[in-house]
Amino acid sequence: MTAVTILQKSVRYDRGGKPVEVVIPYEEFLDFIETYALDLSDEEKDSIREAKADREAGRTGNFVALEDLEKDLGL
């Protein structure tokens, strides 16, 4: 389900026909917040930006290989 689909479910309008609010079920709201990373702290967002920059610059030493992670987790 896309953000537009979720938000169009229950738009409330003023008397002039201008949209003023959206009402959605709470679980869908939580899913929306999580899907679009709106629940992340500034520190978490900074870490993601740093990881993306590392990846784009080819700094692979800053990452753990999937095989190593699976081994550490016993998978």
C-alpha atoms as a PDB file:
ATOM      1  CA  MET A   1       0.000   0.000   0.000  1.00  0.00           C
ATOM      2  CA  THR A   2       1.444   3.371  -0.967  1.00  0.00           C
ATOM      3  CA  ALA A   3       1.454   6.500   1.141  1.00  0.00           C
ATOM      4  CA  VAL A   4      -1.008   8.130  -1.228  1.00  0.00           C
ATOM      5  CA  THR A   5      -3.402   5.201  -0.916  1.00  0.00           C
ATOM      6  CA  ILE A   6      -3.229   5.334   2.868  1.00  0.00           C
ATOM      7  CA  LEU A   7      -3.727   9.083   3.058  1.00  0.00           C
ATOM      8  CA  GLN A   8      -6.618   9.142   0.608  1.00  0.00           C
ATOM      9  CA  LYS A   9      -8.649   6.711   2.703  1.00  0.00           C
ATOM     10  CA  SER A  10     -10.294   9.328   4.839  1.00  0.00           C
ATOM     11  CA  VAL A  11      -9.559  12.904   3.929  1.00  0.00           C
ATOM     12  CA  ARG A  12     -11.712  15.469   5.684  1.00  0.00           C
ATOM     13  CA  TYR A  13     -12.451  18.742   3.943  1.00  0.00           C
ATOM     14  CA  ASP A  14     -13.509  22.171   5.123  1.00  0.00           C
ATOM     15  CA  ARG A  15     -16.631  23.853   3.783  1.00  0.00           C
ATOM     16  CA  GLY A  16     -14.672  25.251   0.856  1.00  0.00           C
ATOM     17  CA  GLY A  17     -13.547  21.798  -0.224  1.00  0.00           C
ATOM     18  CA  LYS A  18      -9.965  22.233   0.970  1.00  0.00           C
ATOM     19  CA  PRO A  19      -8.463  19.114   2.604  1.00  0.00           C
ATOM     20  CA  VAL A  20      -7.736  19.779   6.281  1.00  0.00           C
ATOM     21  CA  GLU A  21      -6.966  16.395   7.857  1.00  0.00           C
ATOM     22  CA  VAL A  22      -6.610  12.683   7.241  1.00  0.00           C
ATOM     23  CA  VAL A  23      -7.934   9.952   9.496  1.00  0.00           C
ATOM     24  CA  ILE A  24      -6.461   6.461   9.182  1.00  0.00           C
ATOM     25  CA  PRO A  25      -6.497   3.410  11.450  1.00  0.00           C
ATOM     26  CA  TYR A  26      -3.774   3.558  14.106  1.00  0.00           C
ATOM     27  CA  GLU A  27      -2.019   0.394  12.877  1.00  0.00           C
ATOM     28  CA  GLU A  28      -1.758   1.857   9.390  1.00  0.00           C
ATOM     29  CA  PHE A  29      -0.360   5.054  10.901  1.00  0.00           C
ATOM     30  CA  LEU A  30       2.325   3.058  12.712  1.00  0.00           C
ATOM     31  CA  ASP A  31       3.153   1.174   9.509  1.00  0.00           C
ATOM     32  CA  PHE A  32       3.405   4.484   7.644  1.00  0.00           C
ATOM     33  CA  ILE A  33       5.741   5.957  10.265  1.00  0.00           C
ATOM     34  CA  GLU A  34       7.981   2.887  10.201  1.00  0.00           C
ATOM     35  CA  THR A  35       7.970   2.473   6.415  1.00  0.00           C
ATOM     36  CA  TYR A  36       9.096   6.039   5.820  1.00  0.00           C
ATOM     37  CA  ALA A  37      11.592   6.033   8.741  1.00  0.00           C
ATOM     38  CA  LEU A  38       9.805   8.869  10.496  1.00  0.00           C
ATOM     39  CA  ASP A  39      10.443   7.162  13.833  1.00  0.00           C
ATOM     40  CA  LEU A  40      14.238   7.353  13.617  1.00  0.00           C
ATOM     41  CA  SER A  41      16.259   9.618  15.872  1.00  0.00           C
ATOM     42  CA  ASP A  42      18.623  12.201  14.404  1.00  0.00           C
ATOM     43  CA  GLU A  43      21.531  10.003  15.512  1.00  0.00           C
ATOM     44  CA  GLU A  44      20.104   7.007  13.633  1.00  0.00           C
ATOM     45  CA  LYS A  45      19.544   9.115  10.518  1.00  0.00           C
ATOM     46  CA  ASP A  46      23.145  10.379  10.723  1.00  0.00           C
ATOM     47  CA  SER A  47      24.396   6.781  10.985  1.00  0.00           C
ATOM     48  CA  ILE A  48      22.434   5.821   7.891  1.00  0.00           C
ATOM     49  CA  ARG A  49      23.863   8.792   5.972  1.00  0.00           C
ATOM     50  CA  GLU A  50      27.390   7.832   7.036  1.00  0.00           C
ATOM     51  CA  ALA A  51      26.868   4.216   6.003  1.00  0.00           C
ATOM     52  CA  LYS A  52      25.518   5.316   2.630  1.00  0.00           C
ATOM     53  CA  ALA A  53      28.527   7.594   2.104  1.00  0.00           C
ATOM     54  CA  ASP A  54      30.887   4.750   3.087  1.00  0.00           C
ATOM     55  CA  ARG A  55      29.186   2.403   0.627  1.00  0.00           C
ATOM     56  CA  GLU A  56      29.278   4.943  -2.196  1.00  0.00           C
ATOM     57  CA  ALA A  57      32.965   5.650  -1.515  1.00  0.00           C
ATOM     58  CA  GLY A  58      33.784   1.939  -1.515  1.00  0.00           C
ATOM     59  CA  ARG A  59      34.813   1.829   2.147  1.00  0.00           C
ATOM     60  CA  THR A  60      33.776  -1.797   2.589  1.00  0.00           C
ATOM     61  CA  GLY A  61      35.946  -2.234   5.675  1.00  0.00           C
ATOM     62  CA  ASN A  62      33.292  -0.370   7.646  1.00  0.00           C
ATOM     63  CA  PHE A  63      30.775  -3.160   7.010  1.00  0.00           C
ATOM     64  CA  VAL A  64      30.334  -6.728   8.221  1.00  0.00           C
ATOM     65  CA  ALA A  65      30.079  -9.414   5.555  1.00  0.00           C
ATOM     66  CA  LEU A  66      26.726 -11.164   5.457  1.00  0.00           C
ATOM     67  CA  GLU A  67      28.421 -14.528   5.907  1.00  0.00           C
ATOM     68  CA  ASP A  68      30.160 -13.290   9.070  1.00  0.00           C
ATOM     69  CA  LEU A  69      26.936 -11.869  10.445  1.00  0.00           C
ATOM     70  CA  GLU A  70      25.070 -15.115   9.796  1.00  0.00           C
ATOM     71  CA  LYS A  71      27.878 -17.035  11.483  1.00  0.00           C
ATOM     72  CA  ASP A  72      27.794 -14.744  14.528  1.00  0.00           C
ATOM     73  CA  LEU A  73      24.012 -15.153  14.749  1.00  0.00           C
ATOM     74  CA  GLY A  74      24.202 -18.904  14.312  1.00  0.00           C
ATOM     75  CA  LEU A  75      22.210 -18.924  11.093  1.00  0.00           C
END
